[in-house]
Amino acid sequence: MNLGPLWLSVQLATITMLLLLVISTPLGWWLARTRSRVRPVVQAIVALPIVLPPTVMGFYLLILLGPAGAIGEWWLRLTGHSLTFSFSGLVIASCVYSLPFAVQPIMSAFEAVEQRDLEAAWTLGADRRDAFFSIALPQSMRGYLNAAVLSFAHTLGEFGVVLMVGGNIPGETRVISIAIYDQVESLQYAAAHQLAAILLVFAFAVLLAMFALNRHWRQQ
């Protein structure tokens, strides 16, 4: 059994998760604390991947990241390589598609941080950055755990977006969901079952660990 697609999927999900945790921190903090009138607009944009069909999202990302697209043309000039049908393109597409699964838990965790705790830190001489790292961030660890697990698991199971943007290049963009589809298309049900079972067990173990850690933190 070829485990290359599984390893590629794990790499993609890990890189996407780490990037999303970084991106979602300032975005989630702003959404949790701002009173700006554009907040609902930003929330709607962030949540779009939840309601849009993956093929629609993948189609527009394909145009945007393609050699003639705004981002793809710039990347091509800079590196000499196309973003579409490449692992780098998959990372960008995965970050966009899994963004709400990272932003929402982190934003909710920041909303739960008591304002009086931050104000107490400010009165003791801490600036806003120190208060964030010493008060808000430690209190939001459950949100970060949920964001990490959900964005990782969501990326691991992607199909439509990765197929549209990355295609099916062995060792480059052929992730496990594409490999399963290929096996089913060629009527290799035994091989498809093996890959699907691995993905099922892996996803279940990741979610089980998240729920167990959440329960442990609630009991503390």
N, C-alpha and C. Protein backbone atom coordinates (compact mmCIF):
# COMPACT_ATOMS: atom_id res chain seq x y z
N MET A 1 0.85 -1.20 0.00
CA MET A 1 0.00 0.00 0.00
C MET A 1 0.89 1.25 0.00
N ASN A 2 0.60 2.18 -0.89
CA ASN A 2 1.38 3.42 -1.00
C ASN A 2 0.86 4.44 0.01
N LEU A 3 1.70 4.78 1.00
CA LEU A 3 1.30 5.74 2.02
C LEU A 3 1.77 7.16 1.70
N GLY A 4 2.31 7.35 0.50
CA GLY A 4 2.77 8.67 0.10
C GLY A 4 1.68 9.73 0.17
N PRO A 5 0.47 9.47 -0.34
CA PRO A 5 -0.60 10.47 -0.25
C PRO A 5 -0.97 10.83 1.19
N LEU A 6 -0.92 9.83 2.11
CA LEU A 6 -1.21 10.12 3.51
C LEU A 6 -0.15 11.04 4.10
N TRP A 7 1.11 10.76 3.84
CA TRP A 7 2.19 11.59 4.36
C TRP A 7 2.09 13.01 3.79
N LEU A 8 1.76 13.12 2.51
CA LEU A 8 1.60 14.44 1.89
C LEU A 8 0.44 15.19 2.53
N SER A 9 -0.64 14.48 2.82
CA SER A 9 -1.80 15.11 3.47
C SER A 9 -1.44 15.61 4.86
N VAL A 10 -0.68 14.80 5.62
CA VAL A 10 -0.28 15.21 6.96
C VAL A 10 0.62 16.44 6.90
N GLN A 11 1.54 16.46 5.93
CA GLN A 11 2.40 17.64 5.75
C GLN A 11 1.56 18.88 5.44
N LEU A 12 0.63 18.74 4.52
CA LEU A 12 -0.22 19.85 4.13
C LEU A 12 -1.05 20.34 5.31
N ALA A 13 -1.65 19.40 6.05
CA ALA A 13 -2.49 19.78 7.17
C ALA A 13 -1.68 20.44 8.28
N THR A 14 -0.47 19.97 8.53
CA THR A 14 0.37 20.55 9.58
C THR A 14 0.80 21.96 9.24
N ILE A 15 1.28 22.17 8.01
CA ILE A 15 1.71 23.51 7.59
C ILE A 15 0.53 24.47 7.60
N THR A 16 -0.61 24.02 7.09
CA THR A 16 -1.81 24.86 7.06
C THR A 16 -2.24 25.23 8.48
N MET A 17 -2.24 24.26 9.38
CA MET A 17 -2.63 24.52 10.76
C MET A 17 -1.73 25.57 11.41
N LEU A 18 -0.41 25.43 11.26
CA LEU A 18 0.52 26.37 11.88
C LEU A 18 0.34 27.78 11.31
N LEU A 19 0.20 27.87 9.99
CA LEU A 19 -0.02 29.19 9.38
C LEU A 19 -1.33 29.81 9.85
N LEU A 20 -2.36 29.01 9.95
CA LEU A 20 -3.66 29.53 10.36
C LEU A 20 -3.67 29.99 11.82
N LEU A 21 -2.92 29.32 12.68
CA LEU A 21 -2.84 29.77 14.07
C LEU A 21 -2.20 31.16 14.15
N VAL A 22 -1.20 31.38 13.31
CA VAL A 22 -0.55 32.69 13.28
C VAL A 22 -1.50 33.75 12.70
N ILE A 23 -2.14 33.42 11.58
CA ILE A 23 -3.04 34.37 10.92
C ILE A 23 -4.25 34.68 11.79
N SER A 24 -4.78 33.65 12.45
CA SER A 24 -6.03 33.81 13.20
C SER A 24 -5.86 34.55 14.51
N THR A 25 -4.64 34.66 15.01
CA THR A 25 -4.44 35.35 16.29
C THR A 25 -4.79 36.83 16.20
N PRO A 26 -4.16 37.61 15.31
CA PRO A 26 -4.58 39.02 15.23
C PRO A 26 -5.99 39.20 14.69
N LEU A 27 -6.38 38.34 13.75
CA LEU A 27 -7.73 38.46 13.18
C LEU A 27 -8.79 38.13 14.22
N GLY A 28 -8.59 37.05 14.97
CA GLY A 28 -9.54 36.67 16.00
C GLY A 28 -9.61 37.70 17.12
N TRP A 29 -8.47 38.27 17.49
CA TRP A 29 -8.45 39.29 18.54
C TRP A 29 -9.21 40.53 18.09
N TRP A 30 -8.97 40.94 16.84
CA TRP A 30 -9.68 42.12 16.33
C TRP A 30 -11.18 41.88 16.28
N LEU A 31 -11.60 40.73 15.80
CA LEU A 31 -13.03 40.43 15.71
C LEU A 31 -13.67 40.35 17.09
N ALA A 32 -12.91 39.88 18.07
CA ALA A 32 -13.46 39.73 19.42
C ALA A 32 -13.57 41.07 20.15
N ARG A 33 -12.75 42.04 19.79
CA ARG A 33 -12.66 43.28 20.56
C ARG A 33 -13.17 44.52 19.82
N THR A 34 -13.26 44.47 18.52
CA THR A 34 -13.61 45.67 17.77
C THR A 34 -15.09 45.99 17.85
N ARG A 35 -15.40 47.26 17.70
CA ARG A 35 -16.79 47.71 17.58
C ARG A 35 -17.03 48.33 16.20
N SER A 36 -16.14 48.06 15.29
CA SER A 36 -16.23 48.62 13.95
C SER A 36 -17.47 48.12 13.22
N ARG A 37 -18.00 48.98 12.38
CA ARG A 37 -19.19 48.60 11.60
C ARG A 37 -18.87 47.57 10.53
N VAL A 38 -17.60 47.43 10.17
CA VAL A 38 -17.23 46.46 9.13
C VAL A 38 -17.03 45.06 9.72
N ARG A 39 -17.17 44.92 11.03
CA ARG A 39 -16.98 43.61 11.65
C ARG A 39 -17.86 42.53 11.04
N PRO A 40 -19.18 42.76 10.85
CA PRO A 40 -20.01 41.71 10.23
C PRO A 40 -19.55 41.34 8.83
N VAL A 41 -19.03 42.33 8.08
CA VAL A 41 -18.55 42.06 6.73
C VAL A 41 -17.33 41.14 6.78
N VAL A 42 -16.40 41.44 7.69
CA VAL A 42 -15.21 40.60 7.83
C VAL A 42 -15.60 39.20 8.30
N GLN A 43 -16.53 39.11 9.25
CA GLN A 43 -16.99 37.80 9.72
C GLN A 43 -17.61 37.00 8.59
N ALA A 44 -18.38 37.65 7.75
CA ALA A 44 -19.02 36.95 6.62
C ALA A 44 -17.98 36.45 5.64
N ILE A 45 -16.95 37.25 5.37
CA ILE A 45 -15.89 36.83 4.45
C ILE A 45 -15.15 35.63 5.02
N VAL A 46 -14.84 35.68 6.32
CA VAL A 46 -14.12 34.58 6.96
C VAL A 46 -14.94 33.29 6.92
N ALA A 47 -16.25 33.41 7.11
CA ALA A 47 -17.12 32.23 7.18
C ALA A 47 -17.54 31.69 5.82
N LEU A 48 -17.23 32.38 4.74
CA LEU A 48 -17.66 31.96 3.41
C LEU A 48 -17.31 30.51 3.07
N PRO A 49 -16.09 30.03 3.38
CA PRO A 49 -15.77 28.64 3.03
C PRO A 49 -16.68 27.60 3.67
N ILE A 50 -17.39 27.97 4.73
CA ILE A 50 -18.28 27.01 5.38
C ILE A 50 -19.51 26.74 4.51
N VAL A 51 -19.99 27.77 3.82
CA VAL A 51 -21.24 27.64 3.07
C VAL A 51 -21.04 27.49 1.57
N LEU A 52 -19.89 27.94 1.06
CA LEU A 52 -19.64 27.81 -0.38
C LEU A 52 -19.27 26.38 -0.75
N PRO A 53 -19.78 25.86 -1.85
CA PRO A 53 -19.32 24.54 -2.33
C PRO A 53 -17.81 24.56 -2.60
N PRO A 54 -17.10 23.50 -2.26
CA PRO A 54 -15.66 23.47 -2.49
C PRO A 54 -15.26 23.73 -3.93
N THR A 55 -16.10 23.30 -4.88
CA THR A 55 -15.77 23.52 -6.29
C THR A 55 -15.82 25.01 -6.64
N VAL A 56 -16.74 25.75 -6.03
CA VAL A 56 -16.81 27.19 -6.27
C VAL A 56 -15.58 27.88 -5.71
N MET A 57 -15.25 27.54 -4.47
CA MET A 57 -14.05 28.10 -3.84
C MET A 57 -12.81 27.72 -4.63
N GLY A 58 -12.73 26.46 -5.04
CA GLY A 58 -11.58 26.00 -5.80
C GLY A 58 -11.46 26.67 -7.15
N PHE A 59 -12.61 26.94 -7.80
CA PHE A 59 -12.59 27.59 -9.11
C PHE A 59 -12.01 29.00 -9.01
N TYR A 60 -12.46 29.78 -8.04
CA TYR A 60 -11.96 31.15 -7.92
C TYR A 60 -10.51 31.18 -7.43
N LEU A 61 -10.14 30.23 -6.61
CA LEU A 61 -8.73 30.15 -6.21
C LEU A 61 -7.85 29.75 -7.39
N LEU A 62 -8.38 28.89 -8.24
CA LEU A 62 -7.63 28.49 -9.44
C LEU A 62 -7.37 29.69 -10.34
N ILE A 63 -8.35 30.55 -10.49
CA ILE A 63 -8.18 31.76 -11.29
C ILE A 63 -7.20 32.72 -10.62
N LEU A 64 -7.38 32.91 -9.30
CA LEU A 64 -6.55 33.85 -8.56
C LEU A 64 -5.09 33.42 -8.50
N LEU A 65 -4.86 32.11 -8.36
CA LEU A 65 -3.49 31.60 -8.22
C LEU A 65 -2.87 31.20 -9.55
N GLY A 66 -3.66 31.21 -10.62
CA GLY A 66 -3.15 30.82 -11.93
C GLY A 66 -2.13 31.81 -12.47
N PRO A 67 -1.42 31.44 -13.53
CA PRO A 67 -0.37 32.31 -14.10
C PRO A 67 -0.87 33.69 -14.51
N ALA A 68 -2.16 33.81 -14.81
CA ALA A 68 -2.71 35.10 -15.21
C ALA A 68 -3.44 35.79 -14.06
N GLY A 69 -3.50 35.14 -12.90
CA GLY A 69 -4.19 35.71 -11.75
C GLY A 69 -3.35 36.74 -11.01
N ALA A 70 -4.01 37.49 -10.13
CA ALA A 70 -3.33 38.57 -9.41
C ALA A 70 -2.18 38.05 -8.56
N ILE A 71 -2.42 36.96 -7.85
CA ILE A 71 -1.37 36.39 -7.00
C ILE A 71 -0.46 35.48 -7.81
N GLY A 72 -1.05 34.66 -8.67
CA GLY A 72 -0.27 33.70 -9.44
C GLY A 72 0.74 34.34 -10.38
N GLU A 73 0.36 35.46 -11.00
CA GLU A 73 1.28 36.14 -11.91
C GLU A 73 2.47 36.72 -11.15
N TRP A 74 2.18 37.31 -9.98
CA TRP A 74 3.26 37.86 -9.15
C TRP A 74 4.21 36.77 -8.68
N TRP A 75 3.64 35.63 -8.26
CA TRP A 75 4.46 34.52 -7.79
C TRP A 75 5.31 33.95 -8.92
N LEU A 76 4.74 33.87 -10.10
CA LEU A 76 5.46 33.34 -11.25
C LEU A 76 6.65 34.23 -11.60
N ARG A 77 6.46 35.52 -11.55
CA ARG A 77 7.56 36.45 -11.82
C ARG A 77 8.65 36.36 -10.74
N LEU A 78 8.21 36.15 -9.51
CA LEU A 78 9.16 36.13 -8.39
C LEU A 78 9.97 34.85 -8.34
N THR A 79 9.33 33.70 -8.58
CA THR A 79 9.98 32.41 -8.39
C THR A 79 10.22 31.65 -9.69
N GLY A 80 9.48 31.98 -10.74
CA GLY A 80 9.59 31.23 -11.98
C GLY A 80 8.74 29.97 -11.98
N HIS A 81 7.95 29.76 -10.94
CA HIS A 81 7.11 28.56 -10.82
C HIS A 81 5.65 28.97 -10.65
N SER A 82 4.75 28.15 -11.15
CA SER A 82 3.32 28.41 -11.02
C SER A 82 2.81 27.93 -9.67
N LEU A 83 1.87 28.68 -9.11
CA LEU A 83 1.25 28.26 -7.85
C LEU A 83 0.24 27.15 -8.06
N THR A 84 -0.45 27.17 -9.18
CA THR A 84 -1.41 26.11 -9.45
C THR A 84 -0.68 24.80 -9.74
N PHE A 85 -1.29 23.71 -9.32
CA PHE A 85 -0.74 22.37 -9.50
C PHE A 85 0.64 22.25 -8.83
N SER A 86 0.73 22.85 -7.65
CA SER A 86 1.95 22.77 -6.85
C SER A 86 1.58 22.66 -5.38
N PHE A 87 2.51 22.20 -4.57
CA PHE A 87 2.25 22.06 -3.14
C PHE A 87 2.05 23.43 -2.50
N SER A 88 2.81 24.42 -2.94
CA SER A 88 2.65 25.78 -2.39
C SER A 88 1.25 26.31 -2.65
N GLY A 89 0.72 26.05 -3.84
CA GLY A 89 -0.64 26.45 -4.14
C GLY A 89 -1.65 25.76 -3.25
N LEU A 90 -1.40 24.47 -2.96
CA LEU A 90 -2.29 23.74 -2.06
C LEU A 90 -2.29 24.35 -0.67
N VAL A 91 -1.14 24.79 -0.19
CA VAL A 91 -1.06 25.40 1.14
C VAL A 91 -1.90 26.66 1.19
N ILE A 92 -1.78 27.51 0.16
CA ILE A 92 -2.56 28.75 0.13
C ILE A 92 -4.05 28.44 0.07
N ALA A 93 -4.43 27.53 -0.80
CA ALA A 93 -5.84 27.17 -0.94
C ALA A 93 -6.38 26.56 0.35
N SER A 94 -5.58 25.74 1.01
CA SER A 94 -6.01 25.11 2.26
C SER A 94 -6.19 26.14 3.37
N CYS A 95 -5.30 27.14 3.41
CA CYS A 95 -5.43 28.18 4.42
C CYS A 95 -6.73 28.96 4.24
N VAL A 96 -7.08 29.25 2.98
CA VAL A 96 -8.33 29.97 2.72
C VAL A 96 -9.53 29.10 3.08
N TYR A 97 -9.48 27.83 2.68
CA TYR A 97 -10.63 26.95 2.87
C TYR A 97 -10.84 26.57 4.34
N SER A 98 -9.77 26.49 5.12
CA SER A 98 -9.90 26.10 6.53
C SER A 98 -9.86 27.29 7.47
N LEU A 99 -9.81 28.51 6.94
CA LEU A 99 -9.70 29.70 7.78
C LEU A 99 -10.77 29.80 8.87
N PRO A 100 -12.06 29.61 8.56
CA PRO A 100 -13.06 29.77 9.63
C PRO A 100 -12.92 28.75 10.75
N PHE A 101 -12.35 27.60 10.46
CA PHE A 101 -12.21 26.56 11.49
C PHE A 101 -11.10 26.90 12.48
N ALA A 102 -10.27 27.88 12.14
CA ALA A 102 -9.25 28.36 13.06
C ALA A 102 -9.68 29.67 13.71
N VAL A 103 -10.28 30.56 12.92
CA VAL A 103 -10.64 31.88 13.45
C VAL A 103 -11.76 31.80 14.48
N GLN A 104 -12.80 31.00 14.20
CA GLN A 104 -13.96 30.97 15.08
C GLN A 104 -13.63 30.52 16.51
N PRO A 105 -12.91 29.42 16.71
CA PRO A 105 -12.59 29.02 18.10
C PRO A 105 -11.70 30.03 18.81
N ILE A 106 -10.74 30.62 18.09
CA ILE A 106 -9.85 31.59 18.71
C ILE A 106 -10.61 32.87 19.05
N MET A 107 -11.47 33.33 18.15
CA MET A 107 -12.28 34.51 18.43
C MET A 107 -13.18 34.29 19.64
N SER A 108 -13.80 33.12 19.73
CA SER A 108 -14.67 32.82 20.87
C SER A 108 -13.89 32.80 22.17
N ALA A 109 -12.67 32.25 22.11
CA ALA A 109 -11.83 32.22 23.31
C ALA A 109 -11.44 33.63 23.74
N PHE A 110 -11.12 34.49 22.80
CA PHE A 110 -10.77 35.87 23.13
C PHE A 110 -11.97 36.63 23.68
N GLU A 111 -13.16 36.34 23.17
CA GLU A 111 -14.37 37.00 23.67
C GLU A 111 -14.63 36.65 25.13
N ALA A 112 -14.17 35.47 25.55
CA ALA A 112 -14.39 35.03 26.93
C ALA A 112 -13.38 35.63 27.92
N VAL A 113 -12.34 36.28 27.41
CA VAL A 113 -11.35 36.91 28.30
C VAL A 113 -12.00 38.11 28.98
N GLU A 114 -11.91 38.17 30.29
CA GLU A 114 -12.53 39.25 31.05
C GLU A 114 -11.79 40.57 30.81
N GLN A 115 -12.55 41.61 30.51
CA GLN A 115 -11.96 42.92 30.28
C GLN A 115 -11.28 43.45 31.54
N ARG A 116 -11.86 43.11 32.71
CA ARG A 116 -11.28 43.63 33.95
C ARG A 116 -9.90 43.04 34.23
N ASP A 117 -9.65 41.81 33.71
CA ASP A 117 -8.31 41.24 33.87
C ASP A 117 -7.29 42.03 33.05
N LEU A 118 -7.68 42.41 31.86
CA LEU A 118 -6.79 43.21 31.02
C LEU A 118 -6.56 44.59 31.63
N GLU A 119 -7.65 45.17 32.15
CA GLU A 119 -7.52 46.50 32.75
C GLU A 119 -6.64 46.46 34.00
N ALA A 120 -6.73 45.36 34.76
CA ALA A 120 -5.88 45.22 35.94
C ALA A 120 -4.41 45.16 35.55
N ALA A 121 -4.12 44.46 34.46
CA ALA A 121 -2.74 44.39 33.98
C ALA A 121 -2.25 45.75 33.51
N TRP A 122 -3.14 46.51 32.87
CA TRP A 122 -2.75 47.85 32.41
C TRP A 122 -2.45 48.77 33.59
N THR A 123 -3.27 48.69 34.64
CA THR A 123 -3.04 49.55 35.80
C THR A 123 -1.75 49.19 36.53
N LEU A 124 -1.28 47.95 36.36
CA LEU A 124 -0.04 47.53 36.99
C LEU A 124 1.19 47.86 36.13
N GLY A 125 0.95 48.52 35.03
CA GLY A 125 2.08 48.97 34.22
C GLY A 125 2.32 48.19 32.95
N ALA A 126 1.54 47.16 32.70
CA ALA A 126 1.72 46.38 31.48
C ALA A 126 1.14 47.13 30.29
N ASP A 127 1.86 47.09 29.16
CA ASP A 127 1.27 47.68 27.95
C ASP A 127 0.34 46.65 27.33
N ARG A 128 -0.30 47.03 26.23
CA ARG A 128 -1.31 46.17 25.62
C ARG A 128 -0.73 44.84 25.13
N ARG A 129 0.49 44.89 24.61
CA ARG A 129 1.12 43.67 24.13
C ARG A 129 1.43 42.73 25.29
N ASP A 130 1.97 43.28 26.39
CA ASP A 130 2.27 42.44 27.56
C ASP A 130 1.00 41.84 28.14
N ALA A 131 -0.06 42.65 28.20
CA ALA A 131 -1.33 42.14 28.73
C ALA A 131 -1.88 41.02 27.86
N PHE A 132 -1.71 41.17 26.54
CA PHE A 132 -2.20 40.13 25.63
C PHE A 132 -1.47 38.82 25.88
N PHE A 133 -0.13 38.85 25.95
CA PHE A 133 0.64 37.63 26.09
C PHE A 133 0.59 37.05 27.51
N SER A 134 0.36 37.87 28.50
CA SER A 134 0.35 37.37 29.88
C SER A 134 -1.05 37.03 30.40
N ILE A 135 -2.08 37.65 29.81
CA ILE A 135 -3.45 37.44 30.29
C ILE A 135 -4.31 36.74 29.24
N ALA A 136 -4.46 37.38 28.07
CA ALA A 136 -5.40 36.88 27.07
C ALA A 136 -4.96 35.55 26.48
N LEU A 137 -3.69 35.45 26.12
CA LEU A 137 -3.22 34.23 25.45
C LEU A 137 -3.32 32.99 26.34
N PRO A 138 -2.84 33.05 27.60
CA PRO A 138 -2.97 31.85 28.45
C PRO A 138 -4.42 31.43 28.69
N GLN A 139 -5.32 32.42 28.78
CA GLN A 139 -6.72 32.08 29.01
C GLN A 139 -7.41 31.51 27.78
N SER A 140 -6.76 31.60 26.64
CA SER A 140 -7.38 31.18 25.37
C SER A 140 -6.82 29.88 24.83
N MET A 141 -6.09 29.13 25.64
CA MET A 141 -5.43 27.93 25.14
C MET A 141 -6.41 26.87 24.64
N ARG A 142 -7.57 26.78 25.26
CA ARG A 142 -8.57 25.82 24.76
C ARG A 142 -9.03 26.20 23.36
N GLY A 143 -9.18 27.48 23.13
CA GLY A 143 -9.57 27.93 21.79
C GLY A 143 -8.50 27.60 20.77
N TYR A 144 -7.24 27.75 21.16
CA TYR A 144 -6.15 27.41 20.24
C TYR A 144 -6.09 25.91 19.98
N LEU A 145 -6.36 25.11 21.01
CA LEU A 145 -6.38 23.66 20.81
C LEU A 145 -7.47 23.28 19.82
N ASN A 146 -8.68 23.82 20.03
CA ASN A 146 -9.78 23.52 19.12
C ASN A 146 -9.48 23.99 17.71
N ALA A 147 -8.89 25.17 17.59
CA ALA A 147 -8.55 25.70 16.27
C ALA A 147 -7.53 24.82 15.57
N ALA A 148 -6.53 24.37 16.32
CA ALA A 148 -5.49 23.53 15.74
C ALA A 148 -6.07 22.20 15.25
N VAL A 149 -6.88 21.58 16.07
CA VAL A 149 -7.43 20.27 15.72
C VAL A 149 -8.42 20.39 14.55
N LEU A 150 -9.32 21.36 14.62
CA LEU A 150 -10.34 21.49 13.57
C LEU A 150 -9.73 21.87 12.23
N SER A 151 -8.78 22.81 12.23
CA SER A 151 -8.15 23.20 10.96
C SER A 151 -7.31 22.07 10.39
N PHE A 152 -6.64 21.31 11.26
CA PHE A 152 -5.85 20.17 10.80
C PHE A 152 -6.77 19.10 10.20
N ALA A 153 -7.81 18.73 10.94
CA ALA A 153 -8.71 17.67 10.46
C ALA A 153 -9.46 18.10 9.20
N HIS A 154 -9.86 19.36 9.13
CA HIS A 154 -10.58 19.84 7.96
C HIS A 154 -9.69 19.82 6.72
N THR A 155 -8.44 20.22 6.88
CA THR A 155 -7.50 20.20 5.76
C THR A 155 -7.21 18.77 5.33
N LEU A 156 -7.12 17.87 6.29
CA LEU A 156 -6.81 16.47 5.99
C LEU A 156 -7.85 15.83 5.09
N GLY A 157 -9.10 16.27 5.25
CA GLY A 157 -10.18 15.67 4.47
C GLY A 157 -10.59 16.44 3.24
N GLU A 158 -9.83 17.46 2.86
CA GLU A 158 -10.20 18.27 1.68
C GLU A 158 -10.23 17.41 0.41
N PHE A 159 -11.13 17.77 -0.49
CA PHE A 159 -11.17 17.09 -1.79
C PHE A 159 -11.37 18.09 -2.94
N GLY A 160 -12.51 18.76 -2.93
CA GLY A 160 -12.84 19.62 -4.06
C GLY A 160 -11.84 20.72 -4.32
N VAL A 161 -11.44 21.42 -3.26
CA VAL A 161 -10.51 22.54 -3.42
C VAL A 161 -9.14 22.06 -3.89
N VAL A 162 -8.63 20.99 -3.26
CA VAL A 162 -7.30 20.52 -3.64
C VAL A 162 -7.29 19.94 -5.04
N LEU A 163 -8.40 19.34 -5.46
CA LEU A 163 -8.47 18.81 -6.82
C LEU A 163 -8.47 19.93 -7.85
N MET A 164 -9.20 21.01 -7.56
CA MET A 164 -9.28 22.12 -8.50
C MET A 164 -7.96 22.86 -8.60
N VAL A 165 -7.30 23.10 -7.47
CA VAL A 165 -6.09 23.91 -7.44
C VAL A 165 -4.84 23.09 -7.71
N GLY A 166 -4.80 21.86 -7.15
CA GLY A 166 -3.57 21.07 -7.23
C GLY A 166 -3.59 19.94 -8.24
N GLY A 167 -4.77 19.53 -8.66
CA GLY A 167 -4.83 18.40 -9.58
C GLY A 167 -4.46 17.10 -8.89
N ASN A 168 -3.78 16.24 -9.63
CA ASN A 168 -3.48 14.89 -9.12
C ASN A 168 -2.07 14.49 -9.56
N ILE A 169 -1.08 15.15 -8.99
CA ILE A 169 0.32 14.89 -9.35
C ILE A 169 0.96 14.06 -8.24
N PRO A 170 1.34 12.81 -8.51
CA PRO A 170 1.94 11.96 -7.47
C PRO A 170 3.17 12.60 -6.84
N GLY A 171 3.20 12.59 -5.51
CA GLY A 171 4.33 13.14 -4.78
C GLY A 171 4.33 14.64 -4.65
N GLU A 172 3.40 15.31 -5.32
CA GLU A 172 3.36 16.78 -5.31
C GLU A 172 2.02 17.31 -4.80
N THR A 173 0.93 16.83 -5.38
CA THR A 173 -0.40 17.32 -4.97
C THR A 173 -1.39 16.18 -4.75
N ARG A 174 -0.96 14.95 -4.90
CA ARG A 174 -1.89 13.83 -4.75
C ARG A 174 -2.05 13.47 -3.27
N VAL A 175 -3.00 14.14 -2.62
CA VAL A 175 -3.26 13.89 -1.20
C VAL A 175 -4.16 12.66 -1.06
N ILE A 176 -4.43 12.29 0.18
CA ILE A 176 -5.10 11.01 0.41
C ILE A 176 -6.54 11.00 -0.11
N SER A 177 -7.23 12.13 -0.03
CA SER A 177 -8.61 12.16 -0.54
C SER A 177 -8.64 11.94 -2.05
N ILE A 178 -7.66 12.50 -2.76
CA ILE A 178 -7.57 12.29 -4.22
C ILE A 178 -7.20 10.85 -4.52
N ALA A 179 -6.30 10.28 -3.72
CA ALA A 179 -5.89 8.89 -3.92
C ALA A 179 -7.07 7.94 -3.73
N ILE A 180 -7.91 8.19 -2.74
CA ILE A 180 -9.09 7.36 -2.50
C ILE A 180 -10.04 7.46 -3.70
N TYR A 181 -10.24 8.67 -4.18
CA TYR A 181 -11.11 8.86 -5.34
C TYR A 181 -10.58 8.10 -6.56
N ASP A 182 -9.27 8.15 -6.76
CA ASP A 182 -8.68 7.44 -7.89
C ASP A 182 -8.90 5.93 -7.79
N GLN A 183 -8.74 5.40 -6.58
CA GLN A 183 -8.93 3.96 -6.38
C GLN A 183 -10.37 3.55 -6.65
N VAL A 184 -11.31 4.38 -6.22
CA VAL A 184 -12.73 4.09 -6.47
C VAL A 184 -13.04 4.18 -7.97
N GLU A 185 -12.47 5.18 -8.64
CA GLU A 185 -12.69 5.35 -10.08
C GLU A 185 -12.20 4.14 -10.87
N SER A 186 -11.10 3.55 -10.39
CA SER A 186 -10.54 2.38 -11.09
C SER A 186 -11.06 1.07 -10.51
N LEU A 187 -12.10 1.16 -9.67
CA LEU A 187 -12.76 -0.01 -9.07
C LEU A 187 -11.83 -0.82 -8.16
N GLN A 188 -10.81 -0.18 -7.62
CA GLN A 188 -9.91 -0.83 -6.66
C GLN A 188 -10.45 -0.58 -5.25
N TYR A 189 -11.54 -1.25 -4.93
CA TYR A 189 -12.23 -0.96 -3.68
C TYR A 189 -11.43 -1.39 -2.45
N ALA A 190 -10.67 -2.44 -2.56
CA ALA A 190 -9.87 -2.90 -1.42
C ALA A 190 -8.82 -1.86 -1.04
N ALA A 191 -8.14 -1.34 -2.06
CA ALA A 191 -7.13 -0.30 -1.81
C ALA A 191 -7.78 0.97 -1.28
N ALA A 192 -8.94 1.33 -1.84
CA ALA A 192 -9.66 2.52 -1.38
C ALA A 192 -10.10 2.35 0.07
N HIS A 193 -10.53 1.15 0.41
CA HIS A 193 -10.95 0.87 1.78
C HIS A 193 -9.79 1.01 2.76
N GLN A 194 -8.61 0.55 2.39
CA GLN A 194 -7.46 0.67 3.27
C GLN A 194 -7.11 2.12 3.54
N LEU A 195 -7.05 2.94 2.50
CA LEU A 195 -6.74 4.35 2.68
C LEU A 195 -7.84 5.07 3.46
N ALA A 196 -9.09 4.75 3.13
CA ALA A 196 -10.20 5.40 3.82
C ALA A 196 -10.23 5.03 5.30
N ALA A 197 -9.93 3.77 5.59
CA ALA A 197 -9.92 3.32 6.98
C ALA A 197 -8.82 4.02 7.78
N ILE A 198 -7.64 4.18 7.16
CA ILE A 198 -6.55 4.90 7.83
C ILE A 198 -6.96 6.33 8.13
N LEU A 199 -7.57 6.99 7.16
CA LEU A 199 -7.99 8.38 7.35
C LEU A 199 -9.08 8.47 8.41
N LEU A 200 -10.01 7.52 8.42
CA LEU A 200 -11.09 7.51 9.40
C LEU A 200 -10.54 7.34 10.82
N VAL A 201 -9.65 6.39 11.00
CA VAL A 201 -9.08 6.14 12.32
C VAL A 201 -8.25 7.33 12.79
N PHE A 202 -7.47 7.89 11.88
CA PHE A 202 -6.62 9.03 12.22
C PHE A 202 -7.47 10.23 12.62
N ALA A 203 -8.51 10.54 11.85
CA ALA A 203 -9.37 11.67 12.16
C ALA A 203 -10.09 11.47 13.49
N PHE A 204 -10.55 10.23 13.74
CA PHE A 204 -11.23 9.93 15.00
C PHE A 204 -10.29 10.10 16.18
N ALA A 205 -9.04 9.65 16.04
CA ALA A 205 -8.07 9.77 17.13
C ALA A 205 -7.76 11.23 17.43
N VAL A 206 -7.64 12.05 16.40
CA VAL A 206 -7.36 13.48 16.60
C VAL A 206 -8.52 14.16 17.34
N LEU A 207 -9.76 13.89 16.91
CA LEU A 207 -10.92 14.49 17.56
C LEU A 207 -11.09 13.97 18.98
N LEU A 208 -10.83 12.68 19.20
CA LEU A 208 -10.94 12.11 20.54
C LEU A 208 -9.95 12.77 21.49
N ALA A 209 -8.74 13.02 21.01
CA ALA A 209 -7.73 13.69 21.84
C ALA A 209 -8.18 15.10 22.19
N MET A 210 -8.78 15.81 21.23
CA MET A 210 -9.25 17.17 21.49
C MET A 210 -10.33 17.18 22.56
N PHE A 211 -11.33 16.28 22.43
CA PHE A 211 -12.41 16.25 23.40
C PHE A 211 -11.91 15.81 24.78
N ALA A 212 -10.96 14.91 24.82
CA ALA A 212 -10.41 14.46 26.10
C ALA A 212 -9.66 15.60 26.80
N LEU A 213 -8.87 16.36 26.04
CA LEU A 213 -8.15 17.48 26.63
C LEU A 213 -9.10 18.57 27.09
N ASN A 214 -10.15 18.83 26.33
CA ASN A 214 -11.15 19.82 26.74
C ASN A 214 -11.83 19.40 28.04
N ARG A 215 -12.14 18.15 28.15
CA ARG A 215 -12.77 17.65 29.36
C ARG A 215 -11.83 17.77 30.55
N HIS A 216 -10.55 17.46 30.32
CA HIS A 216 -9.56 17.58 31.40
C HIS A 216 -9.43 19.02 31.88
N TRP A 217 -9.42 19.98 30.94
CA TRP A 217 -9.30 21.38 31.32
C TRP A 217 -10.55 21.86 32.06
N ARG A 218 -11.73 21.37 31.68
CA ARG A 218 -12.96 21.78 32.37
C ARG A 218 -12.98 21.29 33.81
N GLN A 219 -12.36 20.14 34.06
CA GLN A 219 -12.37 19.57 35.40
C GLN A 219 -11.31 20.17 36.32
N GLN A 220 -10.39 20.94 35.75
CA GLN A 220 -9.35 21.54 36.57
C GLN A 220 -9.87 22.75 37.34
